[in-house]
Amino acid sequence: MKTPPKNRFSRALRTARAARKISQEGFGEVSGRTYISQLERGERQATLSKIDDLATVLAVHPGSLVLLSYLPDRPTPDAVDRLLAQIRREALHLLAPDPAT
């Protein structure tokens, strides 16, 4: 079953937290356990500022949490590579100077 969009960040946060072996209480400097639990259950949505704080505790780039949110439910290394390639192409296109100016 495909993860609904609103729960993708929830899954990404749980995945990263488990990989780093950090408890919900381990985010105490940036958030309370209740808030982390609500994020992981999809009851709350994180702001960009909060994603930055969470990423700091997890020792990852905030973009990594967002990237994890957009991977398929059972990601493979190829899925990661494809998504990174797409993000790279799109970022370079958006940053390209406009020839009309």
Protein backbone atom coordinates (compact mmCIF):
# COMPACT_ATOMS: atom_id res chain seq x y z
CA MET A 1 0.00 0.00 0.00
CA LYS A 2 1.32 3.44 -0.94
CA THR A 3 1.90 5.88 1.91
CA PRO A 4 -0.47 8.87 1.75
CA PRO A 5 1.31 12.19 1.10
CA LYS A 6 0.54 13.61 4.54
CA ASN A 7 2.24 10.63 6.19
CA ARG A 8 5.40 10.59 4.08
CA PHE A 9 7.36 12.90 6.36
CA SER A 10 6.15 10.85 9.33
CA ARG A 11 7.66 7.74 7.78
CA ALA A 12 10.88 9.57 6.88
CA LEU A 13 11.32 10.86 10.43
CA ARG A 14 10.72 7.41 11.94
CA THR A 15 13.16 5.85 9.47
CA ALA A 16 15.90 8.40 10.16
CA ARG A 17 15.36 8.27 13.92
CA ALA A 18 15.59 4.47 13.93
CA ALA A 19 18.71 4.52 11.73
CA ARG A 20 20.40 6.99 14.08
CA LYS A 21 19.13 5.10 17.17
CA ILE A 22 17.68 8.27 18.69
CA SER A 23 14.66 8.07 20.97
CA GLN A 24 11.83 10.58 20.75
CA GLU A 25 13.20 12.03 23.97
CA GLY A 26 16.53 12.54 22.19
CA PHE A 27 15.03 15.56 20.41
CA GLY A 28 14.57 17.34 23.75
CA GLU A 29 16.74 20.31 22.81
CA VAL A 30 14.54 21.16 19.80
CA SER A 31 11.13 19.56 20.51
CA GLY A 32 9.17 17.70 23.13
CA ARG A 33 8.49 13.98 22.92
CA THR A 34 4.77 14.63 22.41
CA TYR A 35 5.44 16.81 19.34
CA ILE A 36 7.81 14.22 17.84
CA SER A 37 5.20 11.53 18.45
CA GLN A 38 2.54 13.66 16.75
CA LEU A 39 4.83 14.23 13.77
CA GLU A 40 5.50 10.50 13.49
CA ARG A 41 1.77 9.71 13.60
CA GLY A 42 1.00 12.33 10.94
CA GLU A 43 -1.05 14.42 13.37
CA ARG A 44 1.21 17.46 12.96
CA GLN A 45 3.13 18.86 10.00
CA ALA A 46 6.67 20.18 10.41
CA THR A 47 7.71 23.62 9.20
CA LEU A 48 10.96 24.08 7.28
CA SER A 49 12.48 25.57 10.41
CA LYS A 50 11.47 22.51 12.45
CA ILE A 51 12.79 20.14 9.76
CA ASP A 52 16.11 21.98 10.05
CA ASP A 53 16.10 21.50 13.84
CA LEU A 54 15.23 17.80 13.54
CA ALA A 55 17.92 17.27 10.91
CA THR A 56 20.50 18.85 13.21
CA VAL A 57 19.68 16.33 15.94
CA LEU A 58 19.78 13.50 13.39
CA ALA A 59 23.08 14.79 11.95
CA VAL A 60 21.70 14.82 8.40
CA HIS A 61 21.02 17.53 5.83
CA PRO A 62 17.38 18.73 6.04
CA GLY A 63 17.05 17.81 2.36
CA SER A 64 17.72 14.20 3.27
CA LEU A 65 14.57 14.10 5.39
CA VAL A 66 12.58 15.64 2.55
CA LEU A 67 14.14 13.22 0.05
CA LEU A 68 13.21 10.25 2.26
CA SER A 69 9.65 11.59 2.27
CA TYR A 70 9.40 11.22 -1.51
CA LEU A 71 10.87 7.76 -1.92
CA PRO A 72 8.59 4.79 -2.59
CA ASP A 73 7.41 2.71 0.37
CA ARG A 74 10.14 0.13 -0.21
CA PRO A 75 12.99 2.20 -1.62
CA THR A 76 15.91 0.70 -3.47
CA PRO A 77 19.29 2.33 -4.13
CA ASP A 78 18.12 2.84 -7.73
CA ALA A 79 15.04 4.72 -6.50
CA VAL A 80 17.29 7.01 -4.47
CA ASP A 81 19.55 7.57 -7.49
CA ARG A 82 16.59 8.36 -9.77
CA LEU A 83 15.10 10.85 -7.33
CA LEU A 84 18.45 12.55 -6.74
CA ALA A 85 19.02 12.80 -10.50
CA GLN A 86 15.58 14.35 -10.97
CA ILE A 87 16.18 16.85 -8.16
CA ARG A 88 19.58 17.75 -9.64
CA ARG A 89 18.14 18.29 -13.15
CA GLU A 90 15.31 20.42 -11.83
CA ALA A 91 17.55 22.51 -9.56
CA LEU A 92 20.02 23.19 -12.37
CA HIS A 93 17.17 24.14 -14.70
CA LEU A 94 15.67 26.50 -12.12
CA LEU A 95 19.07 28.10 -11.48
CA ALA A 96 19.95 28.53 -15.16
CA PRO A 97 20.12 32.17 -16.21
CA ASP A 98 17.13 33.32 -18.21
CA PRO A 99 18.43 34.07 -21.75
CA ALA A 100 15.68 36.70 -22.17
CA THR A 101 17.23 38.95 -19.51
